[in-house]
């Protein structure tokens, strides 16, 4: 079973690959660099929120007495 983090990361990467290819057809190097930089920043942002929600979920899980295997 795939985790939602994996699916979200793959979708984000595919979206920005599509955008980079779209702008690459216009040969706009500055725009390509910008899109690559934005894609890395967006992936970092998504991973930070994934870690935050994972930590929040695990802390609530431990408060309720549920032990993960």
Protein backbone atom coordinates (compact mmCIF):
# COMPACT_ATOMS: atom_id res chain seq x y z
CA UNK A 1 0.00 0.00 0.00
CA UNK A 2 1.39 3.38 -0.97
CA UNK A 3 1.63 6.09 1.62
CA UNK A 4 -0.01 9.41 0.86
CA UNK A 5 3.40 11.12 1.23
CA UNK A 6 4.78 9.06 -1.65
CA UNK A 7 1.78 9.75 -3.87
CA UNK A 8 1.89 13.48 -3.08
CA UNK A 9 5.62 13.70 -3.77
CA UNK A 10 5.35 11.83 -7.07
CA UNK A 11 2.43 14.00 -8.22
CA UNK A 12 4.35 17.16 -7.33
CA UNK A 13 7.43 16.00 -9.20
CA UNK A 14 5.37 15.03 -12.26
CA UNK A 15 3.61 18.39 -12.26
CA UNK A 16 6.85 20.31 -12.25
CA UNK A 17 8.43 18.04 -14.86
CA UNK A 18 5.45 18.87 -17.06
CA UNK A 19 5.84 22.60 -16.40
CA UNK A 20 9.58 22.51 -17.01
CA UNK A 21 9.05 20.71 -20.31
CA UNK A 22 6.37 23.19 -21.29
CA UNK A 23 8.63 26.17 -20.68
CA UNK A 24 11.61 24.35 -22.13
CA UNK A 25 9.82 24.32 -25.47
CA UNK A 26 10.02 28.12 -25.38
CA UNK A 27 13.74 27.99 -24.47
CA UNK A 28 13.38 30.29 -21.49
CA UNK A 29 16.38 29.36 -19.37
CA UNK A 30 15.63 31.78 -16.57
CA UNK A 31 12.10 30.46 -16.28
CA UNK A 32 13.41 26.88 -16.27
CA UNK A 33 15.79 27.67 -13.44
CA UNK A 34 12.98 29.39 -11.56
CA UNK A 35 10.65 26.39 -11.98
CA UNK A 36 13.32 23.96 -10.85
CA UNK A 37 14.00 26.09 -7.77
CA UNK A 38 10.29 26.42 -7.00
CA UNK A 39 9.81 22.67 -7.37
CA UNK A 40 12.55 21.99 -4.81
CA UNK A 41 11.11 24.57 -2.42
CA UNK A 42 7.62 23.13 -2.83
CA UNK A 43 8.85 19.59 -2.19
CA UNK A 44 10.63 20.78 0.98
CA UNK A 45 7.46 22.56 2.09
CA UNK A 46 5.36 19.44 1.51
CA UNK A 47 7.81 17.22 3.36
CA UNK A 48 7.88 19.61 6.34
CA UNK A 49 4.09 19.46 6.59
CA UNK A 50 4.10 15.68 6.20
CA UNK A 51 6.55 15.40 9.10
CA UNK A 52 4.47 17.82 11.19
CA UNK A 53 1.25 15.86 10.64
CA UNK A 54 3.03 12.55 11.21
CA UNK A 55 4.38 13.85 14.53
CA UNK A 56 0.93 15.20 15.45
CA UNK A 57 -0.73 11.89 14.59
CA UNK A 58 1.84 9.84 16.53
CA UNK A 59 1.57 12.10 19.58
CA UNK A 60 -2.23 11.78 19.61
CA UNK A 61 -1.90 8.04 19.07
CA UNK A 62 0.43 7.70 22.06
CA UNK A 63 -1.88 9.83 24.23
CA UNK A 64 -4.79 7.52 23.49
CA UNK A 65 -2.76 4.49 24.54
CA UNK A 66 -2.60 2.90 21.09
CA UNK A 67 0.73 1.23 20.50
CA UNK A 68 1.95 0.77 16.95
CA UNK A 69 3.53 -2.51 15.93
